[in-house]
């Protein structure tokens, strides 16, 4: 499945490469490498999962099962001067897989 700015609400699994300090460097999406622009600020935040709706049960001591992690990054296709796009990435509690939640093109239109 190709997630495009015209259809930004489907979640698609992506691979994210991080720096040693935990900042995203690149995203593999749809068979291509999108490089995070180091000159543009990234946003990193957490939201709470509605655990009462998910029926998620875990044994005591497992750790944090309610914080959903997000990154918003500006990316370019490979090491080029292609137009910037904004990728919003998310990772659910207890998951290792990152999901591409949305793509916004350089004009700010989802």
N, C-alpha and C. Protein backbone atom coordinates (compact mmCIF):
# COMPACT_ATOMS: atom_id res chain seq x y z
N UNK A 1 0.84 -1.18 0.00
CA UNK A 1 0.00 0.00 0.00
C UNK A 1 0.88 1.24 0.00
N UNK A 2 0.54 2.21 -0.79
CA UNK A 2 1.26 3.47 -0.84
C UNK A 2 0.45 4.52 -0.10
N UNK A 3 1.07 5.11 0.89
CA UNK A 3 0.43 6.19 1.64
C UNK A 3 0.87 7.49 1.01
N UNK A 4 -0.05 8.25 0.48
CA UNK A 4 0.26 9.49 -0.21
C UNK A 4 -0.44 10.65 0.48
N UNK A 5 -0.03 11.89 0.17
CA UNK A 5 -0.70 13.02 0.79
C UNK A 5 -2.20 13.04 0.53
N UNK A 6 -2.63 12.41 -0.56
CA UNK A 6 -4.05 12.39 -0.87
C UNK A 6 -4.82 11.43 0.05
N UNK A 7 -4.15 10.48 0.67
CA UNK A 7 -4.79 9.50 1.56
C UNK A 7 -3.97 9.36 2.83
N UNK A 8 -3.93 10.40 3.67
CA UNK A 8 -2.98 10.41 4.78
C UNK A 8 -3.40 9.71 6.05
N UNK A 9 -4.55 9.04 6.09
CA UNK A 9 -5.03 8.54 7.37
C UNK A 9 -4.87 7.05 7.57
N UNK A 10 -4.34 6.32 6.61
CA UNK A 10 -4.08 4.90 6.79
C UNK A 10 -2.76 4.75 7.53
N UNK A 11 -2.66 3.77 8.38
CA UNK A 11 -1.41 3.51 9.09
C UNK A 11 -0.62 2.48 8.31
N UNK A 12 0.64 2.77 8.07
CA UNK A 12 1.50 1.85 7.33
C UNK A 12 2.79 1.63 8.12
N UNK A 13 3.21 0.38 8.22
CA UNK A 13 4.45 0.06 8.92
C UNK A 13 5.64 0.62 8.14
N UNK A 14 6.57 1.25 8.85
CA UNK A 14 7.78 1.79 8.24
C UNK A 14 8.97 1.43 9.12
N UNK A 15 10.15 1.48 8.52
CA UNK A 15 11.39 1.29 9.27
C UNK A 15 12.00 2.67 9.51
N UNK A 16 12.42 2.92 10.74
CA UNK A 16 13.00 4.21 11.09
C UNK A 16 14.41 3.97 11.62
N UNK A 17 15.38 4.71 11.07
CA UNK A 17 16.75 4.64 11.56
C UNK A 17 17.00 5.84 12.47
N UNK A 18 17.57 5.56 13.64
CA UNK A 18 17.79 6.60 14.65
C UNK A 18 19.27 6.85 14.87
N UNK A 19 19.60 8.07 15.30
CA UNK A 19 20.95 8.41 15.71
C UNK A 19 21.19 7.80 17.09
N UNK A 20 22.45 7.78 17.56
CA UNK A 20 22.71 7.25 18.90
C UNK A 20 21.94 7.98 20.01
N UNK A 21 21.61 9.26 19.79
CA UNK A 21 20.86 9.98 20.83
C UNK A 21 19.34 9.82 20.69
N UNK A 22 18.89 8.99 19.73
CA UNK A 22 17.47 8.67 19.62
C UNK A 22 16.67 9.55 18.68
N UNK A 23 17.33 10.37 17.86
CA UNK A 23 16.64 11.23 16.90
C UNK A 23 16.52 10.51 15.56
N UNK A 24 15.37 10.57 14.90
CA UNK A 24 15.23 9.91 13.60
C UNK A 24 16.17 10.50 12.55
N UNK A 25 16.81 9.62 11.78
CA UNK A 25 17.69 10.03 10.69
C UNK A 25 17.07 9.78 9.32
N UNK A 26 16.34 8.67 9.20
CA UNK A 26 15.76 8.29 7.91
C UNK A 26 14.57 7.36 8.13
N UNK A 27 13.69 7.35 7.13
CA UNK A 27 12.49 6.51 7.17
C UNK A 27 12.41 5.73 5.87
N UNK A 28 12.27 4.41 5.96
CA UNK A 28 12.03 3.60 4.76
C UNK A 28 10.52 3.45 4.61
N UNK A 29 10.03 4.03 3.51
CA UNK A 29 8.59 4.01 3.23
C UNK A 29 8.38 3.68 1.76
N UNK A 30 7.55 2.71 1.49
CA UNK A 30 7.19 2.33 0.12
C UNK A 30 8.43 1.99 -0.71
N UNK A 31 9.40 1.32 -0.08
CA UNK A 31 10.60 0.88 -0.78
C UNK A 31 11.63 1.96 -1.05
N UNK A 32 11.44 3.15 -0.49
CA UNK A 32 12.37 4.25 -0.71
C UNK A 32 12.84 4.80 0.63
N UNK A 33 14.04 5.39 0.61
CA UNK A 33 14.60 5.99 1.82
C UNK A 33 14.33 7.48 1.80
N UNK A 34 13.65 7.94 2.84
CA UNK A 34 13.38 9.36 3.03
C UNK A 34 14.30 9.85 4.14
N UNK A 35 15.16 10.82 3.84
CA UNK A 35 16.16 11.31 4.78
C UNK A 35 15.58 12.49 5.56
N UNK A 36 15.73 12.45 6.87
CA UNK A 36 15.27 13.54 7.73
C UNK A 36 16.19 14.74 7.52
N UNK A 37 15.61 15.89 7.24
CA UNK A 37 16.38 17.12 7.03
C UNK A 37 16.93 17.59 8.38
N UNK A 38 18.26 17.62 8.53
CA UNK A 38 18.84 18.00 9.82
C UNK A 38 18.70 19.49 10.12
N UNK A 39 18.36 20.30 9.11
CA UNK A 39 18.25 21.74 9.31
C UNK A 39 16.85 22.17 9.75
N UNK A 40 15.93 21.23 9.84
CA UNK A 40 14.55 21.53 10.22
C UNK A 40 14.26 20.84 11.56
N UNK A 41 13.66 21.58 12.46
CA UNK A 41 13.35 21.01 13.78
C UNK A 41 12.36 19.86 13.67
N UNK A 42 12.55 18.87 14.53
CA UNK A 42 11.62 17.76 14.64
C UNK A 42 10.77 17.97 15.90
N UNK A 43 9.65 17.29 15.95
CA UNK A 43 8.80 17.35 17.15
C UNK A 43 8.67 15.94 17.69
N UNK A 44 8.74 15.81 19.00
CA UNK A 44 8.66 14.51 19.67
C UNK A 44 7.74 14.66 20.87
N UNK A 45 6.73 13.79 20.96
CA UNK A 45 5.80 13.88 22.07
C UNK A 45 5.15 12.52 22.33
N UNK A 46 4.44 12.46 23.44
CA UNK A 46 3.71 11.26 23.83
C UNK A 46 2.26 11.63 24.10
N UNK A 47 1.35 10.70 23.78
CA UNK A 47 -0.04 10.84 24.17
C UNK A 47 -0.42 9.58 24.94
N UNK A 48 -1.55 9.62 25.59
CA UNK A 48 -2.02 8.46 26.37
C UNK A 48 -3.01 7.64 25.57
N UNK A 49 -2.82 6.33 25.60
CA UNK A 49 -3.76 5.41 24.99
C UNK A 49 -4.98 5.30 25.90
N UNK A 50 -6.13 5.14 25.33
CA UNK A 50 -7.34 4.94 26.13
C UNK A 50 -7.39 3.46 26.54
N UNK A 51 -6.57 3.12 27.52
CA UNK A 51 -6.40 1.73 27.94
C UNK A 51 -7.71 1.09 28.36
N UNK A 52 -8.65 1.89 28.84
CA UNK A 52 -9.93 1.33 29.27
C UNK A 52 -10.76 0.84 28.08
N UNK A 53 -10.45 1.33 26.87
CA UNK A 53 -11.15 0.89 25.66
C UNK A 53 -10.45 -0.27 24.97
N UNK A 54 -9.15 -0.40 25.16
CA UNK A 54 -8.38 -1.39 24.40
C UNK A 54 -8.41 -2.78 25.01
N UNK A 55 -8.81 -2.89 26.26
CA UNK A 55 -8.84 -4.19 26.94
C UNK A 55 -7.45 -4.83 26.99
N UNK A 56 -6.42 -4.01 26.95
CA UNK A 56 -5.05 -4.52 26.99
C UNK A 56 -4.74 -4.96 28.41
N UNK A 57 -4.35 -6.20 28.57
CA UNK A 57 -3.97 -6.66 29.90
C UNK A 57 -2.53 -7.13 29.86
N UNK A 58 -1.80 -6.78 30.87
CA UNK A 58 -0.40 -7.17 30.98
C UNK A 58 -0.12 -7.56 32.41
N UNK A 59 0.86 -8.42 32.59
CA UNK A 59 1.21 -8.80 33.96
C UNK A 59 1.85 -7.62 34.69
N UNK A 60 1.77 -7.63 36.00
CA UNK A 60 2.39 -6.56 36.79
C UNK A 60 3.89 -6.46 36.49
N UNK A 61 4.39 -5.24 36.45
CA UNK A 61 5.81 -5.02 36.25
C UNK A 61 6.25 -4.95 34.81
N UNK A 62 5.33 -5.06 33.86
CA UNK A 62 5.70 -5.03 32.44
C UNK A 62 6.20 -3.66 32.03
N UNK A 63 5.69 -2.61 32.62
CA UNK A 63 6.13 -1.27 32.29
C UNK A 63 5.01 -0.43 31.70
N UNK A 64 5.40 0.57 30.96
CA UNK A 64 4.46 1.54 30.41
C UNK A 64 3.66 0.93 29.27
N UNK A 65 2.36 0.86 29.41
CA UNK A 65 1.51 0.29 28.36
C UNK A 65 0.48 1.30 27.85
N UNK A 66 0.63 2.57 28.20
CA UNK A 66 -0.37 3.55 27.79
C UNK A 66 0.19 4.71 26.97
N UNK A 67 1.50 4.93 26.97
CA UNK A 67 2.06 6.07 26.24
C UNK A 67 2.31 5.72 24.77
N UNK A 68 1.69 6.48 23.87
CA UNK A 68 1.92 6.35 22.44
C UNK A 68 2.96 7.40 22.06
N UNK A 69 4.05 6.96 21.42
CA UNK A 69 5.15 7.86 21.07
C UNK A 69 4.97 8.38 19.65
N UNK A 70 5.23 9.67 19.46
CA UNK A 70 5.11 10.31 18.15
C UNK A 70 6.38 11.08 17.80
N UNK A 71 6.68 11.11 16.51
CA UNK A 71 7.69 12.00 15.94
C UNK A 71 7.07 12.67 14.73
N UNK A 72 7.30 13.96 14.56
CA UNK A 72 6.97 14.67 13.33
C UNK A 72 8.29 15.15 12.74
N UNK A 73 8.61 14.68 11.53
CA UNK A 73 9.89 14.98 10.90
C UNK A 73 9.67 15.51 9.48
N UNK A 74 10.60 16.34 9.03
CA UNK A 74 10.62 16.82 7.65
C UNK A 74 11.62 15.95 6.89
N UNK A 75 11.18 15.38 5.77
CA UNK A 75 12.02 14.44 5.03
C UNK A 75 12.11 14.82 3.56
N UNK A 76 13.20 14.33 2.93
CA UNK A 76 13.40 14.45 1.48
C UNK A 76 13.67 13.05 0.96
N UNK A 77 13.36 12.84 -0.29
CA UNK A 77 13.60 11.55 -0.92
C UNK A 77 15.09 11.41 -1.20
N UNK A 78 15.75 10.54 -0.43
CA UNK A 78 17.18 10.32 -0.60
C UNK A 78 17.98 11.58 -0.36
N UNK A 79 19.26 11.55 -0.77
CA UNK A 79 20.12 12.73 -0.57
C UNK A 79 19.93 13.73 -1.72
N UNK A 80 18.71 14.18 -1.91
CA UNK A 80 18.41 15.05 -3.05
C UNK A 80 17.89 16.39 -2.57
N UNK A 81 17.52 17.20 -3.52
CA UNK A 81 16.91 18.49 -3.21
C UNK A 81 15.41 18.43 -3.47
N UNK A 82 14.84 17.24 -3.38
CA UNK A 82 13.40 17.10 -3.59
C UNK A 82 12.63 17.91 -2.55
N UNK A 83 11.37 18.16 -2.83
CA UNK A 83 10.53 18.94 -1.92
C UNK A 83 10.42 18.23 -0.57
N UNK A 84 10.35 19.03 0.47
CA UNK A 84 10.16 18.49 1.81
C UNK A 84 8.74 17.97 1.98
N UNK A 85 8.64 16.89 2.72
CA UNK A 85 7.35 16.37 3.17
C UNK A 85 7.44 16.18 4.68
N UNK A 86 6.30 16.25 5.32
CA UNK A 86 6.24 16.02 6.76
C UNK A 86 5.65 14.65 7.00
N UNK A 87 6.41 13.81 7.71
CA UNK A 87 5.93 12.49 8.11
C UNK A 87 5.59 12.55 9.59
N UNK A 88 4.42 12.04 9.94
CA UNK A 88 4.08 11.87 11.35
C UNK A 88 4.13 10.38 11.65
N UNK A 89 5.04 10.02 12.55
CA UNK A 89 5.29 8.63 12.90
C UNK A 89 4.74 8.35 14.29
N UNK A 90 4.31 7.12 14.49
CA UNK A 90 3.80 6.76 15.82
C UNK A 90 4.20 5.33 16.15
N UNK A 91 4.36 5.10 17.44
CA UNK A 91 4.64 3.75 17.94
C UNK A 91 3.76 3.52 19.16
N UNK A 92 2.98 2.46 19.08
CA UNK A 92 2.05 2.12 20.16
C UNK A 92 2.78 1.45 21.31
N UNK A 93 2.18 1.49 22.51
CA UNK A 93 2.78 0.82 23.65
C UNK A 93 3.00 -0.67 23.36
N UNK A 94 4.07 -1.20 23.85
CA UNK A 94 4.43 -2.61 23.71
C UNK A 94 4.78 -3.00 22.28
N UNK A 95 4.87 -2.05 21.35
CA UNK A 95 5.21 -2.37 19.95
C UNK A 95 6.61 -1.87 19.64
N UNK A 96 7.30 -2.59 18.79
CA UNK A 96 8.59 -2.13 18.30
C UNK A 96 8.44 -1.48 16.93
N UNK A 97 7.34 -1.77 16.25
CA UNK A 97 7.12 -1.29 14.89
C UNK A 97 6.62 0.15 14.87
N UNK A 98 7.26 0.98 14.04
CA UNK A 98 6.80 2.34 13.82
C UNK A 98 5.77 2.35 12.72
N UNK A 99 4.79 3.25 12.84
CA UNK A 99 3.72 3.39 11.85
C UNK A 99 3.75 4.80 11.29
N UNK A 100 3.54 4.91 9.98
CA UNK A 100 3.41 6.21 9.34
C UNK A 100 1.94 6.60 9.42
N UNK A 101 1.67 7.61 10.23
CA UNK A 101 0.28 8.01 10.45
C UNK A 101 -0.20 9.01 9.42
N UNK A 102 0.68 9.91 8.98
CA UNK A 102 0.26 10.88 7.97
C UNK A 102 1.46 11.43 7.22
N UNK A 103 1.18 11.93 6.02
CA UNK A 103 2.15 12.63 5.18
C UNK A 103 1.52 13.96 4.80
N UNK A 104 2.30 15.02 4.94
CA UNK A 104 1.86 16.33 4.49
C UNK A 104 2.88 16.83 3.48
N UNK A 105 2.42 17.35 2.35
CA UNK A 105 3.37 17.84 1.35
C UNK A 105 3.92 19.21 1.76
N UNK A 106 4.83 19.75 0.98
CA UNK A 106 5.54 20.98 1.35
C UNK A 106 4.65 22.22 1.35
N UNK A 107 3.46 22.14 0.83
CA UNK A 107 2.54 23.29 0.85
C UNK A 107 1.69 23.29 2.11
N UNK A 108 1.86 22.27 2.96
CA UNK A 108 1.11 22.21 4.21
C UNK A 108 -0.26 21.60 4.06
N UNK A 109 -0.55 20.99 2.92
CA UNK A 109 -1.86 20.37 2.70
C UNK A 109 -1.76 18.88 2.92
N UNK A 110 -2.57 18.30 3.81
CA UNK A 110 -2.53 16.84 4.00
C UNK A 110 -3.09 16.11 2.80
